[in-house]
PDB file of N, CA and C in Angstrom:
ATOM      1  N   ASP A   1      -0.711 -12.846  -2.058  1.00  0.00           N
ATOM      2  CA  ASP A   1      -0.688 -12.492  -0.644  1.00  0.00           C
ATOM      3  C   ASP A   1      -0.036 -11.127  -0.485  1.00  0.00           C
ATOM      4  N   ASP A   2      -0.628 -10.250   0.297  1.00  0.00           N
ATOM      5  CA  ASP A   2      -0.092  -8.906   0.468  1.00  0.00           C
ATOM      6  C   ASP A   2       0.878  -8.809   1.644  1.00  0.00           C
ATOM      7  N   GLY A   3       1.193  -9.945   2.275  1.00  0.00           N
ATOM      8  CA  GLY A   3       2.152  -9.949   3.358  1.00  0.00           C
ATOM      9  C   GLY A   3       1.578  -9.610   4.712  1.00  0.00           C
ATOM     10  N   LYS A   4       0.295  -9.309   4.801  1.00  0.00           N
ATOM     11  CA  LYS A   4      -0.326  -8.984   6.073  1.00  0.00           C
ATOM     12  C   LYS A   4      -1.113 -10.190   6.563  1.00  0.00           C
ATOM     13  N   THR A   5      -1.173 -10.342   7.846  1.00  0.00           N
ATOM     14  CA  THR A   5      -1.932 -11.444   8.409  1.00  0.00           C
ATOM     15  C   THR A   5      -3.000 -10.888   9.343  1.00  0.00           C
ATOM     16  N   LEU A   6      -4.107 -11.583   9.399  1.00  0.00           N
ATOM     17  CA  LEU A   6      -5.150 -11.232  10.341  1.00  0.00           C
ATOM     18  C   LEU A   6      -4.861 -11.962  11.639  1.00  0.00           C
ATOM     19  N   SER A   7      -4.996 -11.289  12.754  1.00  0.00           N
ATOM     20  CA  SER A   7      -4.730 -11.926  14.035  1.00  0.00           C
ATOM     21  C   SER A   7      -5.925 -11.746  14.961  1.00  0.00           C
ATOM     22  N   PHE A   8      -6.003 -12.645  15.927  1.00  0.00           N
ATOM     23  CA  PHE A   8      -7.087 -12.620  16.890  1.00  0.00           C
ATOM     24  C   PHE A   8      -6.517 -12.387  18.283  1.00  0.00           C
ATOM     25  N   LEU A   9      -7.213 -11.589  19.074  1.00  0.00           N
ATOM     26  CA  LEU A   9      -6.862 -11.356  20.459  1.00  0.00           C
ATOM     27  C   LEU A   9      -8.126 -11.580  21.276  1.00  0.00           C
ATOM     28  N   ASN A  10      -8.100 -12.558  22.143  1.00  0.00           N
ATOM     29  CA  ASN A  10      -9.278 -12.924  22.943  1.00  0.00           C
ATOM     30  C   ASN A  10     -10.494 -13.178  22.063  1.00  0.00           C
ATOM     31  N   GLY A  11     -10.265 -13.814  20.913  1.00  0.00           N
ATOM     32  CA  GLY A  11     -11.359 -14.186  20.028  1.00  0.00           C
ATOM     33  C   GLY A  11     -11.875 -13.060  19.144  1.00  0.00           C
ATOM     34  N   VAL A  12     -11.231 -11.877  19.185  1.00  0.00           N
ATOM     35  CA  VAL A  12     -11.683 -10.734  18.394  1.00  0.00           C
ATOM     36  C   VAL A  12     -10.658 -10.463  17.301  1.00  0.00           C
ATOM     37  N   LEU A  13     -11.133 -10.351  16.058  1.00  0.00           N
ATOM     38  CA  LEU A  13     -10.262 -10.060  14.937  1.00  0.00           C
ATOM     39  C   LEU A  13      -9.651  -8.679  15.094  1.00  0.00           C
ATOM     40  N   GLN A  14      -8.334  -8.591  14.995  1.00  0.00           N
ATOM     41  CA  GLN A  14      -7.619  -7.327  15.113  1.00  0.00           C
ATOM     42  C   GLN A  14      -7.361  -6.776  13.718  1.00  0.00           C
ATOM     43  N   MET A  15      -7.864  -5.595  13.423  1.00  0.00           N
ATOM     44  CA  MET A  15      -7.694  -4.963  12.121  1.00  0.00           C
ATOM     45  C   MET A  15      -6.540  -3.973  12.189  1.00  0.00           C
ATOM     46  N   PRO A  16      -5.697  -3.936  11.158  1.00  0.00           N
ATOM     47  CA  PRO A  16      -4.633  -2.928  11.138  1.00  0.00           C
ATOM     48  C   PRO A  16      -5.239  -1.526  11.152  1.00  0.00           C
ATOM     49  N   ALA A  17      -4.734  -0.650  11.999  1.00  0.00           N
ATOM     50  CA  ALA A  17      -5.317   0.687  12.158  1.00  0.00           C
ATOM     51  C   ALA A  17      -4.983   1.616  10.997  1.00  0.00           C
ATOM     52  N   ASP A  18      -3.944   1.314  10.242  1.00  0.00           N
ATOM     53  CA  ASP A  18      -3.497   2.231   9.199  1.00  0.00           C
ATOM     54  C   ASP A  18      -4.011   1.870   7.811  1.00  0.00           C
ATOM     55  N   GLU A  19      -4.904   0.927   7.712  1.00  0.00           N
ATOM     56  CA  GLU A  19      -5.387   0.468   6.410  1.00  0.00           C
ATOM     57  C   GLU A  19      -6.888   0.728   6.264  1.00  0.00           C
ATOM     58  N   LYS A  20      -7.296   1.176   5.061  1.00  0.00           N
ATOM     59  CA  LYS A  20      -8.723   1.334   4.770  1.00  0.00           C
ATOM     60  C   LYS A  20      -9.343   0.002   4.374  1.00  0.00           C
ATOM     61  N   PHE A  21      -8.542  -0.852   3.715  1.00  0.00           N
ATOM     62  CA  PHE A  21      -9.043  -2.111   3.173  1.00  0.00           C
ATOM     63  C   PHE A  21      -8.092  -3.256   3.508  1.00  0.00           C
ATOM     64  N   ILE A  22      -8.660  -4.423   3.692  1.00  0.00           N
ATOM     65  CA  ILE A  22      -7.874  -5.639   3.860  1.00  0.00           C
ATOM     66  C   ILE A  22      -8.258  -6.579   2.726  1.00  0.00           C
ATOM     67  N   ILE A  23      -7.266  -7.007   1.961  1.00  0.00           N
ATOM     68  CA  ILE A  23      -7.486  -7.958   0.871  1.00  0.00           C
ATOM     69  C   ILE A  23      -7.604  -9.342   1.492  1.00  0.00           C
ATOM     70  N   ALA A  24      -8.640 -10.080   1.094  1.00  0.00           N
ATOM     71  CA  ALA A  24      -8.880 -11.384   1.713  1.00  0.00           C
ATOM     72  C   ALA A  24      -9.420 -12.379   0.686  1.00  0.00           C
ATOM     73  N   ARG A  25      -9.392 -13.632   1.075  1.00  0.00           N
ATOM     74  CA  ARG A  25     -10.018 -14.722   0.329  1.00  0.00           C
ATOM     75  C   ARG A  25     -10.980 -15.414   1.272  1.00  0.00           C
ATOM     76  N   GLY A  26     -12.142 -15.819   0.737  1.00  0.00           N
ATOM     77  CA  GLY A  26     -13.108 -16.541   1.546  1.00  0.00           C
ATOM     78  C   GLY A  26     -12.508 -17.851   2.032  1.00  0.00           C
ATOM     79  N   PRO A  27     -12.656 -18.174   3.312  1.00  0.00           N
ATOM     80  CA  PRO A  27     -12.022 -19.374   3.865  1.00  0.00           C
ATOM     81  C   PRO A  27     -12.613 -20.681   3.338  1.00  0.00           C
ATOM     82  N   LEU A  28     -13.853 -20.677   2.913  1.00  0.00           N
ATOM     83  CA  LEU A  28     -14.498 -21.910   2.469  1.00  0.00           C
ATOM     84  C   LEU A  28     -14.422 -22.114   0.966  1.00  0.00           C
ATOM     85  N   ASN A  29     -14.638 -21.052   0.200  1.00  0.00           N
ATOM     86  CA  ASN A  29     -14.709 -21.217  -1.251  1.00  0.00           C
ATOM     87  C   ASN A  29     -13.664 -20.409  -2.007  1.00  0.00           C
ATOM     88  N   GLY A  30     -12.785 -19.714  -1.306  1.00  0.00           N
ATOM     89  CA  GLY A  30     -11.735 -18.941  -1.952  1.00  0.00           C
ATOM     90  C   GLY A  30     -12.226 -17.698  -2.671  1.00  0.00           C
ATOM     91  N   SER A  31     -13.418 -17.227  -2.322  1.00  0.00           N
ATOM     92  CA  SER A  31     -13.975 -16.051  -2.992  1.00  0.00           C
ATOM     93  C   SER A  31     -13.060 -14.839  -2.815  1.00  0.00           C
ATOM     94  N   ILE A  32     -13.099 -13.954  -3.787  1.00  0.00           N
ATOM     95  CA  ILE A  32     -12.256 -12.754  -3.824  1.00  0.00           C
ATOM     96  C   ILE A  32     -12.964 -11.672  -3.016  1.00  0.00           C
ATOM     97  N   MET A  33     -12.325 -11.235  -1.943  1.00  0.00           N
ATOM     98  CA  MET A  33     -12.991 -10.330  -1.008  1.00  0.00           C
ATOM     99  C   MET A  33     -12.128  -9.125  -0.684  1.00  0.00           C
ATOM    100  N   LEU A  34     -12.795  -8.121  -0.121  1.00  0.00           N
ATOM    101  CA  LEU A  34     -12.143  -6.924   0.388  1.00  0.00           C
ATOM    102  C   LEU A  34     -12.927  -6.515   1.629  1.00  0.00           C
ATOM    103  N   ILE A  35     -12.233  -6.302   2.724  1.00  0.00           N
ATOM    104  CA  ILE A  35     -12.879  -5.878   3.962  1.00  0.00           C
ATOM    105  C   ILE A  35     -12.575  -4.393   4.157  1.00  0.00           C
ATOM    106  N   ILE A  36     -13.614  -3.598   4.332  1.00  0.00           N
ATOM    107  CA  ILE A  36     -13.420  -2.173   4.629  1.00  0.00           C
ATOM    108  C   ILE A  36     -13.129  -2.098   6.124  1.00  0.00           C
ATOM    109  N   SER A  37     -11.896  -1.797   6.472  1.00  0.00           N
ATOM    110  CA  SER A  37     -11.480  -1.867   7.871  1.00  0.00           C
ATOM    111  C   SER A  37     -11.507  -0.511   8.584  1.00  0.00           C
ATOM    112  N   ASP A  38     -11.692   0.557   7.840  1.00  0.00           N
ATOM    113  CA  ASP A  38     -11.723   1.897   8.427  1.00  0.00           C
ATOM    114  C   ASP A  38     -13.178   2.366   8.478  1.00  0.00           C
ATOM    115  N   TYR A  39     -13.786   2.259   9.652  1.00  0.00           N
ATOM    116  CA  TYR A  39     -15.207   2.582   9.797  1.00  0.00           C
ATOM    117  C   TYR A  39     -15.484   4.054   9.465  1.00  0.00           C
ATOM    118  N   ALA A  40     -14.631   4.958   9.885  1.00  0.00           N
ATOM    119  CA  ALA A  40     -14.850   6.386   9.604  1.00  0.00           C
ATOM    120  C   ALA A  40     -14.830   6.641   8.098  1.00  0.00           C
ATOM    121  N   TYR A  41     -13.913   6.005   7.393  1.00  0.00           N
ATOM    122  CA  TYR A  41     -13.845   6.140   5.934  1.00  0.00           C
ATOM    123  C   TYR A  41     -15.136   5.617   5.304  1.00  0.00           C
ATOM    124  N   TRP A  42     -15.632   4.496   5.807  1.00  0.00           N
ATOM    125  CA  TRP A  42     -16.871   3.915   5.303  1.00  0.00           C
ATOM    126  C   TRP A  42     -18.041   4.869   5.506  1.00  0.00           C
ATOM    127  N   VAL A  43     -18.176   5.442   6.678  1.00  0.00           N
ATOM    128  CA  VAL A  43     -19.298   6.338   6.977  1.00  0.00           C
ATOM    129  C   VAL A  43     -19.279   7.541   6.038  1.00  0.00           C
ATOM    130  N   VAL A  44     -18.120   8.121   5.818  1.00  0.00           N
ATOM    131  CA  VAL A  44     -18.004   9.304   4.968  1.00  0.00           C
ATOM    132  C   VAL A  44     -18.287   8.975   3.501  1.00  0.00           C
ATOM    133  N   ASN A  45     -17.874   7.790   3.041  1.00  0.00           N
ATOM    134  CA  ASN A  45     -17.935   7.442   1.622  1.00  0.00           C
ATOM    135  C   ASN A  45     -18.994   6.408   1.253  1.00  0.00           C
ATOM    136  N   GLN A  46     -19.836   5.993   2.180  1.00  0.00           N
ATOM    137  CA  GLN A  46     -20.770   4.894   1.948  1.00  0.00           C
ATOM    138  C   GLN A  46     -21.634   5.085   0.703  1.00  0.00           C
ATOM    139  N   GLN A  47     -22.285   6.215   0.573  1.00  0.00           N
ATOM    140  CA  GLN A  47     -23.184   6.412  -0.567  1.00  0.00           C
ATOM    141  C   GLN A  47     -22.428   6.373  -1.893  1.00  0.00           C
ATOM    142  N   ALA A  48     -21.273   7.001  -1.964  1.00  0.00           N
ATOM    143  CA  ALA A  48     -20.490   7.002  -3.197  1.00  0.00           C
ATOM    144  C   ALA A  48     -19.969   5.604  -3.524  1.00  0.00           C
ATOM    145  N   ILE A  49     -19.548   4.858  -2.509  1.00  0.00           N
ATOM    146  CA  ILE A  49     -19.081   3.486  -2.729  1.00  0.00           C
ATOM    147  C   ILE A  49     -20.233   2.615  -3.217  1.00  0.00           C
ATOM    148  N   GLU A  50     -21.406   2.748  -2.619  1.00  0.00           N
ATOM    149  CA  GLU A  50     -22.565   1.969  -3.053  1.00  0.00           C
ATOM    150  C   GLU A  50     -22.945   2.308  -4.493  1.00  0.00           C
ATOM    151  N   ALA A  51     -22.850   3.579  -4.883  1.00  0.00           N
ATOM    152  CA  ALA A  51     -23.132   3.975  -6.271  1.00  0.00           C
ATOM    153  C   ALA A  51     -22.100   3.358  -7.213  1.00  0.00           C
ATOM    154  N   TYR A  52     -20.838   3.336  -6.804  1.00  0.00           N
ATOM    155  CA  TYR A  52     -19.782   2.714  -7.607  1.00  0.00           C
ATOM    156  C   TYR A  52     -20.070   1.222  -7.797  1.00  0.00           C
ATOM    157  N   ILE A  53     -20.427   0.544  -6.713  1.00  0.00           N
ATOM    158  CA  ILE A  53     -20.723  -0.897  -6.772  1.00  0.00           C
ATOM    159  C   ILE A  53     -21.902  -1.162  -7.697  1.00  0.00           C
ATOM    160  N   ALA A  54     -22.919  -0.320  -7.653  1.00  0.00           N
ATOM    161  CA  ALA A  54     -24.124  -0.506  -8.485  1.00  0.00           C
ATOM    162  C   ALA A  54     -23.789  -0.498  -9.971  1.00  0.00           C
ATOM    163  N   ARG A  55     -22.761   0.244 -10.364  1.00  0.00           N
ATOM    164  CA  ARG A  55     -22.358   0.286 -11.778  1.00  0.00           C
ATOM    165  C   ARG A  55     -21.848  -1.068 -12.274  1.00  0.00           C
ATOM    166  N   PHE A  56     -21.452  -1.942 -11.376  1.00  0.00           N
ATOM    167  CA  PHE A  56     -20.920  -3.249 -11.767  1.00  0.00           C
ATOM    168  C   PHE A  56     -22.004  -4.315 -11.904  1.00  0.00           C
ATOM    169  N   GLU A  57     -23.255  -3.930 -11.731  1.00  0.00           N
ATOM    170  CA  GLU A  57     -24.423  -4.778 -12.002  1.00  0.00           C
ATOM    171  C   GLU A  57     -24.320  -6.189 -11.414  1.00  0.00           C
ATOM    172  N   GLY A  58     -23.962  -6.260 -10.150  1.00  0.00           N
ATOM    173  CA  GLY A  58     -23.980  -7.541  -9.453  1.00  0.00           C
ATOM    174  C   GLY A  58     -22.667  -8.293  -9.408  1.00  0.00           C
ATOM    175  N   SER A  59     -21.645  -7.817 -10.116  1.00  0.00           N
ATOM    176  CA  SER A  59     -20.373  -8.534 -10.052  1.00  0.00           C
ATOM    177  C   SER A  59     -19.559  -8.148  -8.811  1.00  0.00           C
ATOM    178  N   ILE A  60     -20.023  -7.106  -8.096  1.00  0.00           N
ATOM    179  CA  ILE A  60     -19.493  -6.763  -6.775  1.00  0.00           C
ATOM    180  C   ILE A  60     -20.683  -6.796  -5.818  1.00  0.00           C
ATOM    181  N   ARG A  61     -20.536  -7.549  -4.745  1.00  0.00           N
ATOM    182  CA  ARG A  61     -21.608  -7.656  -3.757  1.00  0.00           C
ATOM    183  C   ARG A  61     -21.102  -7.156  -2.405  1.00  0.00           C
ATOM    184  N   ARG A  62     -21.985  -6.461  -1.696  1.00  0.00           N
ATOM    185  CA  ARG A  62     -21.632  -5.909  -0.391  1.00  0.00           C
ATOM    186  C   ARG A  62     -22.506  -6.520   0.675  1.00  0.00           C
ATOM    187  N   GLU A  63     -21.863  -6.918   1.750  1.00  0.00           N
ATOM    188  CA  GLU A  63     -22.577  -7.349   2.944  1.00  0.00           C
ATOM    189  C   GLU A  63     -21.889  -6.668   4.118  1.00  0.00           C
ATOM    190  N   GLY A  64     -22.565  -5.673   4.671  1.00  0.00           N
ATOM    191  CA  GLY A  64     -21.933  -4.867   5.706  1.00  0.00           C
ATOM    192  C   GLY A  64     -20.751  -4.119   5.126  1.00  0.00           C
ATOM    193  N   MET A  65     -19.582  -4.297   5.727  1.00  0.00           N
ATOM    194  CA  MET A  65     -18.372  -3.650   5.252  1.00  0.00           C
ATOM    195  C   MET A  65     -17.453  -4.653   4.543  1.00  0.00           C
ATOM    196  N   MET A  66     -18.041  -5.709   4.020  1.00  0.00           N
ATOM    197  CA  MET A  66     -17.293  -6.720   3.292  1.00  0.00           C
ATOM    198  C   MET A  66     -17.786  -6.766   1.846  1.00  0.00           C
ATOM    199  N   LEU A  67     -16.850  -6.717   0.911  1.00  0.00           N
ATOM    200  CA  LEU A  67     -17.174  -6.759  -0.512  1.00  0.00           C
ATOM    201  C   LEU A  67     -16.673  -8.067  -1.093  1.00  0.00           C
ATOM    202  N   THR A  68     -17.478  -8.658  -1.975  1.00  0.00           N
ATOM    203  CA  THR A  68     -17.080  -9.870  -2.683  1.00  0.00           C
ATOM    204  C   THR A  68     -17.126  -9.573  -4.171  1.00  0.00           C
ATOM    205  N   PHE A  69     -16.085  -9.982  -4.876  1.00  0.00           N
ATOM    206  CA  PHE A  69     -15.911  -9.676  -6.295  1.00  0.00           C
ATOM    207  C   PHE A  69     -15.931 -10.957  -7.115  1.00  0.00           C
ATOM    208  N   ASP A  70     -16.390 -10.852  -8.362  1.00  0.00           N
ATOM    209  CA  ASP A  70     -16.371 -11.996  -9.273  1.00  0.00           C
ATOM    210  C   ASP A  70     -14.979 -12.285  -9.804  1.00  0.00           C
ATOM    211  N   ASN A  71     -14.113 -11.251  -9.835  1.00  0.00           N
ATOM    212  CA  ASN A  71     -12.773 -11.463 -10.388  1.00  0.00           C
ATOM    213  C   ASN A  71     -11.784 -10.459  -9.791  1.00  0.00           C
ATOM    214  N   GLU A  72     -10.504 -10.778  -9.965  1.00  0.00           N
ATOM    215  CA  GLU A  72      -9.426  -9.929  -9.433  1.00  0.00           C
ATOM    216  C   GLU A  72      -9.408  -8.547 -10.085  1.00  0.00           C
ATOM    217  N   GLN A  73      -9.781  -8.476 -11.371  1.00  0.00           N
ATOM    218  CA  GLN A  73      -9.753  -7.204 -12.079  1.00  0.00           C
ATOM    219  C   GLN A  73     -10.707  -6.194 -11.442  1.00  0.00           C
ATOM    220  N   ASP A  74     -11.908  -6.646 -11.067  1.00  0.00           N
ATOM    221  CA  ASP A  74     -12.868  -5.738 -10.429  1.00  0.00           C
ATOM    222  C   ASP A  74     -12.369  -5.288  -9.067  1.00  0.00           C
ATOM    223  N   ARG A  75     -11.727  -6.204  -8.320  1.00  0.00           N
ATOM    224  CA  ARG A  75     -11.199  -5.815  -7.010  1.00  0.00           C
ATOM    225  C   ARG A  75     -10.071  -4.801  -7.183  1.00  0.00           C
ATOM    226  N   THR A  76      -9.200  -5.019  -8.153  1.00  0.00           N
ATOM    227  CA  THR A  76      -8.108  -4.088  -8.412  1.00  0.00           C
ATOM    228  C   THR A  76      -8.647  -2.720  -8.834  1.00  0.00           C
ATOM    229  N   ALA A  77      -9.669  -2.713  -9.701  1.00  0.00           N
ATOM    230  CA  ALA A  77     -10.282  -1.453 -10.131  1.00  0.00           C
ATOM    231  C   ALA A  77     -10.874  -0.719  -8.929  1.00  0.00           C
ATOM    232  N   PHE A  78     -11.533  -1.445  -8.040  1.00  0.00           N
ATOM    233  CA  PHE A  78     -12.094  -0.831  -6.826  1.00  0.00           C
ATOM    234  C   PHE A  78     -10.999  -0.210  -5.989  1.00  0.00           C
ATOM    235  N   LEU A  79      -9.914  -0.946  -5.763  1.00  0.00           N
ATOM    236  CA  LEU A  79      -8.816  -0.432  -4.945  1.00  0.00           C
ATOM    237  C   LEU A  79      -8.182   0.800  -5.578  1.00  0.00           C
ATOM    238  N   LEU A  80      -8.025   0.794  -6.892  1.00  0.00           N
ATOM    239  CA  LEU A  80      -7.464   1.961  -7.573  1.00  0.00           C
ATOM    240  C   LEU A  80      -8.380   3.175  -7.437  1.00  0.00           C
ATOM    241  N   ALA A  81      -9.681   2.950  -7.479  1.00  0.00           N
ATOM    242  CA  ALA A  81     -10.641   4.050  -7.368  1.00  0.00           C
ATOM    243  C   ALA A  81     -10.770   4.581  -5.944  1.00  0.00           C
ATOM    244  N   TRP A  82     -10.656   3.719  -4.949  1.00  0.00           N
ATOM    245  CA  TRP A  82     -10.996   4.102  -3.576  1.00  0.00           C
ATOM    246  C   TRP A  82      -9.840   4.143  -2.590  1.00  0.00           C
ATOM    247  N   ASN A  83      -8.687   3.696  -2.991  1.00  0.00           N
ATOM    248  CA  ASN A  83      -7.576   3.670  -2.031  1.00  0.00           C
ATOM    249  C   ASN A  83      -6.793   4.886  -2.111  1.00  0.00           C
TER     250      ASN A  83
END
């Protein structure tokens, strides 16, 4: 746990404004996830991030601005490369 909590206000998830990524676990299956919370960062880096993900040949999956990893090592490598 990174000590941060996700909170809701009027049913809307509140993202920390000072973070590019939020480390998360899937609520149903405990999947290893990372949420890209900085939209401007995503827009500027989208193509490069997608090229980085492609090198992992399916062990990192992207759906929108949410990434799912097969293992903690790949998530850590991603954070080291992009944070």
